[in-house]
C-alpha atoms as a PDB file:
ATOM      1  CA  MET A   1     233.681-179.392   8.414  1.00  0.00           C
ATOM      2  CA  PHE A   2     234.316-176.610   5.898  1.00  0.00           C
ATOM      3  CA  LYS A   3     236.384-173.760   7.285  1.00  0.00           C
ATOM      4  CA  LYS A   4     237.715-172.407   3.997  1.00  0.00           C
ATOM      5  CA  ILE A   5     235.865-172.522   0.669  1.00  0.00           C
ATOM      6  CA  LEU A   6     237.123-171.371  -2.718  1.00  0.00           C
ATOM      7  CA  PHE A   7     234.504-170.348  -5.261  1.00  0.00           C
ATOM      8  CA  ALA A   8     236.130-170.218  -8.703  1.00  0.00           C
ATOM      9  CA  THR A   9     233.976-167.984 -10.870  1.00  0.00           C
ATOM     10  CA  THR A  10     234.076-166.583 -14.381  1.00  0.00           C
ATOM     11  CA  ALA A  11     232.177-163.545 -13.063  1.00  0.00           C
ATOM     12  CA  SER A  12     229.447-164.263 -15.616  1.00  0.00           C
ATOM     13  CA  PRO A  13     225.900-165.682 -15.496  1.00  0.00           C
ATOM     14  CA  ASN A  14     227.389-169.132 -16.217  1.00  0.00           C
ATOM     15  CA  CYS A  15     228.414-169.309 -12.559  1.00  0.00           C
ATOM     16  CA  ASP A  16     225.264-167.919 -10.926  1.00  0.00           C
ATOM     17  CA  ASN A  17     224.022-171.371  -9.911  1.00  0.00           C
ATOM     18  CA  ALA A  18     227.385-172.227  -8.380  1.00  0.00           C
ATOM     19  CA  ALA A  19     227.441-168.873  -6.590  1.00  0.00           C
ATOM     20  CA  GLN A  20     224.166-169.644  -4.823  1.00  0.00           C
ATOM     21  CA  VAL A  21     225.606-172.877  -3.426  1.00  0.00           C
ATOM     22  CA  ALA A  22     228.910-171.232  -2.474  1.00  0.00           C
ATOM     23  CA  PHE A  23     227.266-168.446  -0.473  1.00  0.00           C
ATOM     24  CA  ASP A  24     224.784-170.874   1.103  1.00  0.00           C
ATOM     25  CA  LEU A  25     227.695-172.984   2.330  1.00  0.00           C
ATOM     26  CA  GLU A  26     229.539-169.947   3.638  1.00  0.00           C
ATOM     27  CA  GLN A  27     226.547-169.103   5.793  1.00  0.00           C
ATOM     28  CA  LYS A  28     225.760-172.675   6.841  1.00  0.00           C
ATOM     29  CA  TRP A  29     229.292-173.431   8.040  1.00  0.00           C
ATOM     30  CA  GLY A  30     230.455-169.967   9.070  1.00  0.00           C
ATOM     31  CA  ALA A  31     233.329-170.516   6.664  1.00  0.00           C
ATOM     32  CA  LYS A  32     235.640-168.075   4.974  1.00  0.00           C
ATOM     33  CA  LEU A  33     234.611-167.839   1.326  1.00  0.00           C
ATOM     34  CA  THR A  34     237.115-166.680  -1.270  1.00  0.00           C
ATOM     35  CA  VAL A  35     235.481-165.599  -4.521  1.00  0.00           C
ATOM     36  CA  PHE A  36     238.235-166.010  -7.094  1.00  0.00           C
ATOM     37  CA  HIS A  37     238.308-164.938 -10.728  1.00  0.00           C
ATOM     38  CA  VAL A  38     241.065-165.456 -13.286  1.00  0.00           C
ATOM     39  CA  VAL A  39     240.374-162.532 -15.601  1.00  0.00           C
ATOM     40  CA  GLY A  40     242.326-163.751 -18.608  1.00  0.00           C
ATOM     41  CA  MET A  41     245.595-164.751 -20.204  1.00  0.00           C
ATOM     42  CA  PRO A  42     248.526-162.282 -20.097  1.00  0.00           C
ATOM     43  CA  GLY A  43     249.669-160.703 -23.332  1.00  0.00           C
ATOM     44  CA  ARG A  44     252.928-161.515 -25.071  1.00  0.00           C
ATOM     45  CA  GLY A  45     255.546-159.600 -26.955  1.00  0.00           C
ATOM     46  CA  PHE A  46     255.707-155.843 -26.625  1.00  0.00           C
ATOM     47  CA  SER A  47     252.081-155.324 -25.684  1.00  0.00           C
ATOM     48  CA  GLY A  48     252.990-154.439 -22.115  1.00  0.00           C
ATOM     49  CA  GLN A  49     250.716-155.459 -19.253  1.00  0.00           C
ATOM     50  CA  SER A  50     247.676-156.469 -21.239  1.00  0.00           C
ATOM     51  CA  VAL A  51     245.255-159.362 -20.866  1.00  0.00           C
ATOM     52  CA  GLU A  52     242.659-161.083 -23.021  1.00  0.00           C
ATOM     53  CA  ASP A  53     239.705-160.588 -20.685  1.00  0.00           C
ATOM     54  CA  PHE A  54     237.541-163.759 -20.743  1.00  0.00           C
ATOM     55  CA  LYS A  55     234.418-161.870 -19.752  1.00  0.00           C
ATOM     56  CA  LEU A  56     234.785-158.756 -21.906  1.00  0.00           C
ATOM     57  CA  LYS A  57     236.223-160.826 -24.781  1.00  0.00           C
ATOM     58  CA  GLU A  58     238.724-158.102 -25.594  1.00  0.00           C
ATOM     59  CA  ARG A  59     242.300-157.209 -24.749  1.00  0.00           C
ATOM     60  CA  VAL A  60     242.697-154.667 -21.945  1.00  0.00           C
ATOM     61  CA  ASP A  61     245.590-153.213 -19.986  1.00  0.00           C
ATOM     62  CA  TYR A  62     245.747-154.379 -16.403  1.00  0.00           C
ATOM     63  CA  ASN A  63     247.060-152.698 -13.271  1.00  0.00           C
ATOM     64  CA  ASP A  64     245.954-152.265  -9.667  1.00  0.00           C
ATOM     65  CA  ASP A  65     243.026-150.059 -10.709  1.00  0.00           C
ATOM     66  CA  TYR A  66     241.838-152.700 -13.166  1.00  0.00           C
ATOM     67  CA  PHE A  67     241.891-155.453 -10.533  1.00  0.00           C
ATOM     68  CA  ASP A  68     240.097-153.183  -8.046  1.00  0.00           C
ATOM     69  CA  TRP A  69     237.415-152.604 -10.670  1.00  0.00           C
ATOM     70  CA  VAL A  70     237.056-156.364 -11.331  1.00  0.00           C
ATOM     71  CA  LYS A  71     236.730-157.148  -7.609  1.00  0.00           C
ATOM     72  CA  GLU A  72     234.189-154.376  -7.117  1.00  0.00           C
ATOM     73  CA  GLU A  73     232.190-155.735 -10.060  1.00  0.00           C
ATOM     74  CA  MET A  74     232.158-159.173  -8.446  1.00  0.00           C
ATOM     75  CA  ARG A  75     231.102-157.737  -5.108  1.00  0.00           C
ATOM     76  CA  THR A  76     228.240-155.865  -6.765  1.00  0.00           C
ATOM     77  CA  ASN A  77     227.197-158.931  -8.751  1.00  0.00           C
ATOM     78  CA  TYR A  78     227.009-161.163  -5.657  1.00  0.00           C
ATOM     79  CA  GLU A  79     225.828-158.538  -3.184  1.00  0.00           C
ATOM     80  CA  SER A  80     222.319-160.014  -3.024  1.00  0.00           C
ATOM     81  CA  LEU A  81     223.765-163.339  -1.788  1.00  0.00           C
ATOM     82  CA  MET A  82     225.766-161.786   1.036  1.00  0.00           C
ATOM     83  CA  HIS A  83     224.715-161.192   4.640  1.00  0.00           C
ATOM     84  CA  PRO A  84     225.936-158.583   7.129  1.00  0.00           C
ATOM     85  CA  ASP A  85     228.059-161.216   8.863  1.00  0.00           C
ATOM     86  CA  SER A  86     229.409-162.805   5.667  1.00  0.00           C
ATOM     87  CA  ASN A  87     233.116-163.649   5.693  1.00  0.00           C
ATOM     88  CA  VAL A  88     233.832-163.168   1.999  1.00  0.00           C
ATOM     89  CA  GLU A  89     237.020-162.133   0.215  1.00  0.00           C
ATOM     90  CA  PHE A  90     237.173-161.196  -3.461  1.00  0.00           C
ATOM     91  CA  ASP A  91     240.317-161.772  -5.467  1.00  0.00           C
ATOM     92  CA  ALA A  92     241.277-161.586  -9.141  1.00  0.00           C
ATOM     93  CA  ILE A  93     244.430-162.485 -11.008  1.00  0.00           C
ATOM     94  CA  VAL A  94     245.844-162.928 -14.514  1.00  0.00           C
ATOM     95  CA  GLY A  95     246.975-166.346 -15.688  1.00  0.00           C
ATOM     96  CA  VAL A  96     245.927-169.819 -16.803  1.00  0.00           C
ATOM     97  CA  PRO A  97     242.602-170.467 -14.995  1.00  0.00           C
ATOM     98  CA  SER A  98     243.216-174.045 -13.818  1.00  0.00           C
ATOM     99  CA  THR A  99     246.772-173.281 -12.689  1.00  0.00           C
ATOM    100  CA  GLU A 100     245.739-170.203 -10.706  1.00  0.00           C
ATOM    101  CA  ILE A 101     242.706-171.895  -9.127  1.00  0.00           C
ATOM    102  CA  LEU A 102     244.837-174.800  -7.926  1.00  0.00           C
ATOM    103  CA  ARG A 103     247.560-172.446  -6.680  1.00  0.00           C
ATOM    104  CA  LYS A 104     245.020-170.347  -4.773  1.00  0.00           C
ATOM    105  CA  ALA A 105     243.481-173.484  -3.247  1.00  0.00           C
ATOM    106  CA  ARG A 106     246.907-174.594  -2.000  1.00  0.00           C
ATOM    107  CA  GLN A 107     247.824-171.163  -0.666  1.00  0.00           C
ATOM    108  CA  GLU A 108     244.559-170.861   1.253  1.00  0.00           C
ATOM    109  CA  ASP A 109     244.551-174.551   2.248  1.00  0.00           C
ATOM    110  CA  VAL A 110     240.856-174.727   1.372  1.00  0.00           C
ATOM    111  CA  ASP A 111     238.567-177.598   2.319  1.00  0.00           C
ATOM    112  CA  LEU A 112     236.355-177.329  -0.743  1.00  0.00           C
ATOM    113  CA  ILE A 113     236.381-175.863  -4.258  1.00  0.00           C
ATOM    114  CA  ILE A 114     233.095-174.856  -5.894  1.00  0.00           C
ATOM    115  CA  MET A 115     232.791-174.155  -9.596  1.00  0.00           C
ATOM    116  CA  GLY A 116     230.387-174.329 -12.519  1.00  0.00           C
ATOM    117  CA  SER A 117     230.713-176.828 -15.350  1.00  0.00           C
ATOM    118  CA  HIS A 118     230.552-174.045 -17.980  1.00  0.00           C
ATOM    119  CA  THR A 119     228.705-176.174 -20.499  1.00  0.00           C
ATOM    120  CA  ARG A 120     225.376-174.390 -20.931  1.00  0.00           C
ATOM    121  CA  LYS A 121     224.619-174.378 -24.654  1.00  0.00           C
ATOM    122  CA  GLU A 122     222.174-171.507 -24.453  1.00  0.00           C
ATOM    123  CA  GLU A 123     224.940-169.059 -23.591  1.00  0.00           C
ATOM    124  CA  VAL A 124     226.241-166.892 -26.410  1.00  0.00           C
ATOM    125  CA  GLY A 125     229.549-168.263 -27.635  1.00  0.00           C
ATOM    126  CA  ALA A 126     229.012-171.465 -25.664  1.00  0.00           C
ATOM    127  CA  THR A 127     231.215-173.594 -27.914  1.00  0.00           C
ATOM    128  CA  ARG A 128     234.222-171.397 -27.276  1.00  0.00           C
ATOM    129  CA  TYR A 129     233.362-171.134 -23.622  1.00  0.00           C
ATOM    130  CA  ARG A 130     233.152-174.903 -23.208  1.00  0.00           C
ATOM    131  CA  SER A 131     236.681-175.244 -24.537  1.00  0.00           C
ATOM    132  CA  VAL A 132     237.900-172.841 -21.855  1.00  0.00           C
ATOM    133  CA  GLY A 133     235.659-173.650 -18.905  1.00  0.00           C
ATOM    134  CA  GLY A 134     235.343-177.371 -19.574  1.00  0.00           C
ATOM    135  CA  SER A 135     239.097-177.774 -19.772  1.00  0.00           C
ATOM    136  CA  THR A 136     239.466-175.809 -16.532  1.00  0.00           C
ATOM    137  CA  MET A 137     236.945-178.057 -14.773  1.00  0.00           C
ATOM    138  CA  HIS A 138     238.792-181.177 -15.903  1.00  0.00           C
ATOM    139  CA  LYS A 139     242.195-179.927 -14.804  1.00  0.00           C
ATOM    140  CA  VAL A 140     241.017-178.636 -11.425  1.00  0.00           C
ATOM    141  CA  THR A 141     239.137-181.827 -10.523  1.00  0.00           C
ATOM    142  CA  LYS A 142     242.150-183.879 -11.592  1.00  0.00           C
ATOM    143  CA  SER A 143     244.732-182.148  -9.390  1.00  0.00           C
ATOM    144  CA  ALA A 144     242.813-180.588  -6.483  1.00  0.00           C
ATOM    145  CA  ARG A 145     243.797-181.926  -3.067  1.00  0.00           C
ATOM    146  CA  CYS A 146     240.280-181.309  -1.750  1.00  0.00           C
ATOM    147  CA  PRO A 147     236.817-182.259  -3.038  1.00  0.00           C
ATOM    148  CA  VAL A 148     235.461-180.194  -5.928  1.00  0.00           C
ATOM    149  CA  VAL A 149     231.733-179.481  -6.084  1.00  0.00           C
ATOM    150  CA  ILE A 150     230.498-178.811  -9.616  1.00  0.00           C
ATOM    151  CA  ILE A 151     227.154-177.158 -10.269  1.00  0.00           C
ATOM    152  CA  SER A 152     225.759-177.438 -13.775  1.00  0.00           C
ATOM    153  CA  ARG A 153     222.108-176.480 -13.267  1.00  0.00           C
ATOM    154  CA  PRO A 154     220.016-174.474 -10.801  1.00  0.00           C
ATOM    155  CA  CYS A 155     220.019-176.148  -7.398  1.00  0.00           C
ATOM    156  CA  THR A 156     216.490-176.996  -6.286  1.00  0.00           C
ATOM    157  CA  THR A 157     217.281-177.218  -2.562  1.00  0.00           C
ATOM    158  CA  CYS A 158     220.942-176.198  -2.215  1.00  0.00           C
ATOM    159  CA  TRP A 159     222.818-176.932   0.952  1.00  0.00           C
ATOM    160  CA  LYS A 160     220.848-174.854   3.422  1.00  0.00           C
ATOM    161  CA  LEU A 161     218.088-177.452   3.266  1.00  0.00           C
ATOM    162  CA  PHE A 162     219.782-180.579   2.003  1.00  0.00           C
ATOM    163  CA  SER A 163     219.024-183.855   3.720  1.00  0.00           C
ATOM    164  CA  ASN A 164     219.849-186.566   1.173  1.00  0.00           C
ATOM    165  CA  ILE A 165     223.371-187.391   0.012  1.00  0.00           C
ATOM    166  CA  VAL A 166     223.730-189.924  -2.797  1.00  0.00           C
ATOM    167  CA  TYR A 167     227.062-191.736  -2.880  1.00  0.00           C
ATOM    168  CA  GLY A 168     227.801-193.660  -6.072  1.00  0.00           C
ATOM    169  CA  THR A 169     230.507-196.319  -5.848  1.00  0.00           C
ATOM    170  CA  ASP A 170     232.271-198.652  -8.243  1.00  0.00           C
ATOM    171  CA  PHE A 171     234.348-200.229  -5.431  1.00  0.00           C
ATOM    172  CA  SER A 172     237.575-198.686  -6.714  1.00  0.00           C
ATOM    173  CA  LYS A 173     240.227-197.214  -4.441  1.00  0.00           C
ATOM    174  CA  PRO A 174     239.329-193.633  -5.508  1.00  0.00           C
ATOM    175  CA  ALA A 175     235.721-194.403  -4.520  1.00  0.00           C
ATOM    176  CA  ASP A 176     236.899-194.992  -0.936  1.00  0.00           C
ATOM    177  CA  SER A 177     237.969-191.337  -0.681  1.00  0.00           C
ATOM    178  CA  ALA A 178     234.597-190.281  -2.026  1.00  0.00           C
ATOM    179  CA  TYR A 179     232.912-192.480   0.581  1.00  0.00           C
ATOM    180  CA  HIS A 180     234.788-190.797   3.439  1.00  0.00           C
ATOM    181  CA  PHE A 181     233.656-187.387   2.197  1.00  0.00           C
ATOM    182  CA  ALA A 182     230.023-188.450   1.805  1.00  0.00           C
ATOM    183  CA  TYR A 183     229.934-190.274   5.145  1.00  0.00           C
ATOM    184  CA  ASN A 184     231.636-187.495   7.116  1.00  0.00           C
ATOM    185  CA  LEU A 185     229.321-184.879   5.641  1.00  0.00           C
ATOM    186  CA  ALA A 186     226.147-186.919   6.236  1.00  0.00           C
ATOM    187  CA  ARG A 187     227.136-187.643   9.815  1.00  0.00           C
ATOM    188  CA  GLU A 188     228.063-184.003  10.476  1.00  0.00           C
ATOM    189  CA  VAL A 189     224.779-182.506   9.274  1.00  0.00           C
ATOM    190  CA  GLY A 190     222.400-185.377  10.017  1.00  0.00           C
ATOM    191  CA  ALA A 191     221.609-186.089   6.379  1.00  0.00           C
ATOM    192  CA  LYS A 192     220.574-189.474   5.078  1.00  0.00           C
ATOM    193  CA  LEU A 193     223.306-191.276   3.145  1.00  0.00           C
ATOM    194  CA  HIS A 194     222.155-193.278   0.129  1.00  0.00           C
ATOM    195  CA  ILE A 195     224.848-195.763  -0.923  1.00  0.00           C
ATOM    196  CA  PHE A 196     224.378-196.774  -4.543  1.00  0.00           C
ATOM    197  CA  HIS A 197     226.084-199.110  -7.002  1.00  0.00           C
ATOM    198  CA  ALA A 198     225.126-199.557 -10.645  1.00  0.00           C
ATOM    199  CA  LEU A 199     226.140-202.814 -12.261  1.00  0.00           C
ATOM    200  CA  ASP A 200     227.066-202.245 -15.915  1.00  0.00           C
ATOM    201  CA  ILE A 201     225.679-205.398 -17.503  1.00  0.00           C
ATOM    202  CA  GLY A 202     227.423-204.826 -20.807  1.00  0.00           C
ATOM    203  CA  TYR A 203     224.991-203.126 -23.152  1.00  0.00           C
ATOM    204  CA  GLY A 204     226.439-203.171 -26.648  1.00  0.00           C
ATOM    205  CA  GLY A 205     228.517-206.257 -25.863  1.00  0.00           C
ATOM    206  CA  GLN A 206     227.804-209.773 -24.669  1.00  0.00           C
ATOM    207  CA  LEU A 207     224.835-209.692 -22.333  1.00  0.00           C
ATOM    208  CA  LYS A 208     224.956-211.608 -19.068  1.00  0.00           C
ATOM    209  CA  SER A 209     222.331-214.123 -18.111  1.00  0.00           C
ATOM    210  CA  GLN A 210     219.737-213.097 -15.529  1.00  0.00           C
ATOM    211  CA  GLU A 211     221.162-215.687 -13.141  1.00  0.00           C
ATOM    212  CA  SER A 212     224.631-214.160 -13.512  1.00  0.00           C
ATOM    213  CA  ILE A 213     223.233-210.658 -12.983  1.00  0.00           C
ATOM    214  CA  GLU A 214     221.398-211.675  -9.823  1.00  0.00           C
ATOM    215  CA  ASP A 215     224.537-213.336  -8.483  1.00  0.00           C
ATOM    216  CA  THR A 216     226.640-210.232  -9.179  1.00  0.00           C
ATOM    217  CA  LEU A 217     224.059-207.975  -7.527  1.00  0.00           C
ATOM    218  CA  THR A 218     224.106-210.140  -4.416  1.00  0.00           C
ATOM    219  CA  LYS A 219     227.901-210.000  -4.298  1.00  0.00           C
ATOM    220  CA  ALA A 220     227.762-206.211  -4.665  1.00  0.00           C
ATOM    221  CA  GLN A 221     225.415-206.002  -1.667  1.00  0.00           C
ATOM    222  CA  GLU A 222     227.873-208.053   0.384  1.00  0.00           C
ATOM    223  CA  LYS A 223     230.769-205.905  -0.785  1.00  0.00           C
ATOM    224  CA  ILE A 224     228.956-202.721   0.314  1.00  0.00           C
ATOM    225  CA  LYS A 225     228.269-204.265   3.697  1.00  0.00           C
ATOM    226  CA  LYS A 226     231.902-205.201   4.220  1.00  0.00           C
ATOM    227  CA  ARG A 227     233.514-202.144   2.623  1.00  0.00           C
ATOM    228  CA  TYR A 228     231.269-199.350   3.909  1.00  0.00           C
ATOM    229  CA  LEU A 229     228.654-200.413   6.433  1.00  0.00           C
ATOM    230  CA  SER A 230     231.307-201.930   8.704  1.00  0.00           C
ATOM    231  CA  LYS A 231     232.796-198.437   9.054  1.00  0.00           C
ATOM    232  CA  MET A 232     229.614-196.596  10.043  1.00  0.00           C
ATOM    233  CA  ASN A 233     230.524-196.409  13.761  1.00  0.00           C
ATOM    234  CA  GLY A 234     226.921-196.371  14.916  1.00  0.00           C
ATOM    235  CA  PHE A 235     225.611-194.114  12.129  1.00  0.00           C
ATOM    236  CA  ASP A 236     222.314-195.635  11.000  1.00  0.00           C
ATOM    237  CA  ASN A 237     220.728-192.980   8.778  1.00  0.00           C
ATOM    238  CA  PHE A 238     221.460-194.714   5.485  1.00  0.00           C
ATOM    239  CA  ASP A 239     220.115-197.076   2.885  1.00  0.00           C
ATOM    240  CA  VAL A 240     221.701-199.251   0.195  1.00  0.00           C
ATOM    241  CA  GLU A 241     220.600-199.832  -3.386  1.00  0.00           C
ATOM    242  CA  VAL A 242     222.191-201.933  -6.138  1.00  0.00           C
ATOM    243  CA  ARG A 243     220.826-201.915  -9.686  1.00  0.00           C
ATOM    244  CA  GLU A 244     221.859-202.992 -13.155  1.00  0.00           C
ATOM    245  CA  GLY A 245     222.005-200.708 -16.174  1.00  0.00           C
ATOM    246  CA  VAL A 246     224.014-197.837 -17.636  1.00  0.00           C
ATOM    247  CA  PRO A 247     225.800-196.444 -14.552  1.00  0.00           C
ATOM    248  CA  TYR A 248     225.283-192.701 -15.100  1.00  0.00           C
ATOM    249  CA  VAL A 249     221.623-193.203 -16.080  1.00  0.00           C
ATOM    250  CA  GLU A 250     220.916-195.303 -12.995  1.00  0.00           C
ATOM    251  CA  ILE A 251     222.705-192.868 -10.669  1.00  0.00           C
ATOM    252  CA  LEU A 252     220.706-189.940 -12.025  1.00  0.00           C
ATOM    253  CA  LYS A 253     217.417-191.857 -11.736  1.00  0.00           C
ATOM    254  CA  PHE A 254     218.244-192.927  -8.196  1.00  0.00           C
ATOM    255  CA  ALA A 255     219.190-189.381  -7.164  1.00  0.00           C
ATOM    256  CA  ARG A 256     215.875-188.060  -8.480  1.00  0.00           C
ATOM    257  CA  GLU A 257     213.928-190.778  -6.656  1.00  0.00           C
ATOM    258  CA  LYS A 258     215.661-189.981  -3.375  1.00  0.00           C
ATOM    259  CA  GLN A 259     215.424-186.213  -3.911  1.00  0.00           C
ATOM    260  CA  GLY A 260     219.180-186.018  -3.614  1.00  0.00           C
ATOM    261  CA  ASP A 261     220.688-182.675  -2.714  1.00  0.00           C
ATOM    262  CA  LEU A 262     224.239-183.801  -3.437  1.00  0.00           C
ATOM    263  CA  ILE A 263     225.798-186.605  -5.471  1.00  0.00           C
ATOM    264  CA  VAL A 264     229.273-187.738  -4.397  1.00  0.00           C
ATOM    265  CA  MET A 265     231.467-189.777  -6.723  1.00  0.00           C
ATOM    266  CA  ALA A 266     235.108-190.570  -7.335  1.00  0.00           C
ATOM    267  CA  HIS A 267     236.836-188.351  -9.869  1.00  0.00           C
ATOM    268  CA  HIS A 268     237.757-191.457 -11.822  1.00  0.00           C
ATOM    269  CA  ALA A 269     237.166-195.164 -11.545  1.00  0.00           C
ATOM    270  CA  LYS A 270     240.371-196.803 -12.682  1.00  0.00           C
ATOM    271  CA  GLN A 271     243.100-198.006 -10.359  1.00  0.00           C
ATOM    272  CA  ILE A 272     245.667-195.478 -11.531  1.00  0.00           C
ATOM    273  CA  ASP A 273     247.671-192.650 -10.087  1.00  0.00           C
ATOM    274  CA  PRO A 274     245.221-189.811  -9.247  1.00  0.00           C
ATOM    275  CA  GLU A 275     247.694-187.357 -10.790  1.00  0.00           C
ATOM    276  CA  GLU A 276     247.280-189.106 -14.159  1.00  0.00           C
ATOM    277  CA  ALA A 277     243.523-189.666 -14.022  1.00  0.00           C
ATOM    278  CA  GLU A 278     241.113-187.931 -16.350  1.00  0.00           C
ATOM    279  CA  LEU A 279     237.544-187.132 -15.352  1.00  0.00           C
ATOM    280  CA  GLY A 280     235.674-190.408 -15.727  1.00  0.00           C
ATOM    281  CA  SER A 281     232.942-190.646 -18.335  1.00  0.00           C
ATOM    282  CA  THR A 282     230.328-191.651 -15.746  1.00  0.00           C
ATOM    283  CA  VAL A 283     230.930-188.767 -13.368  1.00  0.00           C
ATOM    284  CA  GLU A 284     231.194-186.360 -16.301  1.00  0.00           C
ATOM    285  CA  GLN A 285     227.772-187.385 -17.595  1.00  0.00           C
ATOM    286  CA  VAL A 286     226.350-187.093 -14.086  1.00  0.00           C
ATOM    287  CA  VAL A 287     227.842-183.596 -13.707  1.00  0.00           C
ATOM    288  CA  LEU A 288     226.294-182.417 -16.970  1.00  0.00           C
ATOM    289  CA  ARG A 289     222.842-183.880 -16.312  1.00  0.00           C
ATOM    290  CA  ALA A 290     222.278-183.790 -12.553  1.00  0.00           C
ATOM    291  CA  SER A 291     219.745-181.374 -11.094  1.00  0.00           C
ATOM    292  CA  CYS A 292     221.792-181.092  -7.892  1.00  0.00           C
ATOM    293  CA  PRO A 293     225.473-180.355  -7.129  1.00  0.00           C
ATOM    294  CA  VAL A 294     227.984-183.131  -7.795  1.00  0.00           C
ATOM    295  CA  ALA A 295     231.109-183.576  -5.666  1.00  0.00           C
ATOM    296  CA  SER A 296     234.111-185.055  -7.440  1.00  0.00           C
ATOM    297  CA  VAL A 297     236.766-186.493  -5.114  1.00  0.00           C
ATOM    298  CA  ASN A 298     240.241-187.357  -6.371  1.00  0.00           C
ATOM    299  CA  HIS A 299     242.527-187.300  -3.318  1.00  0.00           C
ATOM    300  CA  PRO A 300     241.985-188.490   0.276  1.00  0.00           C
ATOM    301  CA  ASP A 301     243.881-185.550   1.810  1.00  0.00           C
ATOM    302  CA  LYS A 302     240.911-183.529   3.028  1.00  0.00           C
ATOM    303  CA  VAL A 303     238.335-186.270   3.549  1.00  0.00           C
ATOM    304  CA  VAL A 304     239.710-189.273   5.452  1.00  0.00           C
ATOM    305  CA  GLU A 305     240.381-187.432   8.696  1.00  0.00           C
ATOM    306  CA  ALA A 306     237.682-184.763   8.356  1.00  0.00           C
END
């Protein structure tokens, strides 16, 4: 299912959790893994070929020797995750991180992008780093033509052992693309697919009656049956759950209960052009709080006919 994977790294400890998942997937699928690092922004004026190195936090001159050094540093850093038969390529470039990651993904025609959320407060200079990494995450998930897996915390099982995929839906059109990804992956690896919908009953606003809630939950069950279960094509390793509450809270609780190894959601929930969509508040909260990887899907290109 995954022949080409792009791991976008900052070459710092912030991405160690994402690296573990990326190298696990490379081994599991026999895929080509490209470890890609945008070292910094190019200098301006008469400074020559210089760059503000994100990792070193200082301006340095760049040339072929500099890039060779950066790639060798990455290789050394991730050497413990590699195997003798690993198909891994290391690459580094100067530029705007989100732009270069998306360009590299298009050039390589990758099936999956893996990256960290870059939001860990315990890191030195985390506030500054969030403004760089967080913005990069938003822009990449918005425009990527393939699913983007975001890892915020250490993965308890990772993908070598995963057996439970949690798919959260809001019945939007973008959610259909996320469903295809979750379903195709579960069917391919024999994992159990947990289809989940959280009914936002309007906390902070006018509360619905219990009778109205029960009626809406029943309709949601029917909608899942018609929209998703009718497309299973004989696949029967799944269950369905519908609950009421704050959507991101309920998704996280459900994923913990099911020991989810992966949460799959739409990049956004509104019926708008994917090119204009921002990362939805629900999926963003799930990304920041989940104890397992979260796959954000924005376009159907790489998932419908997987």
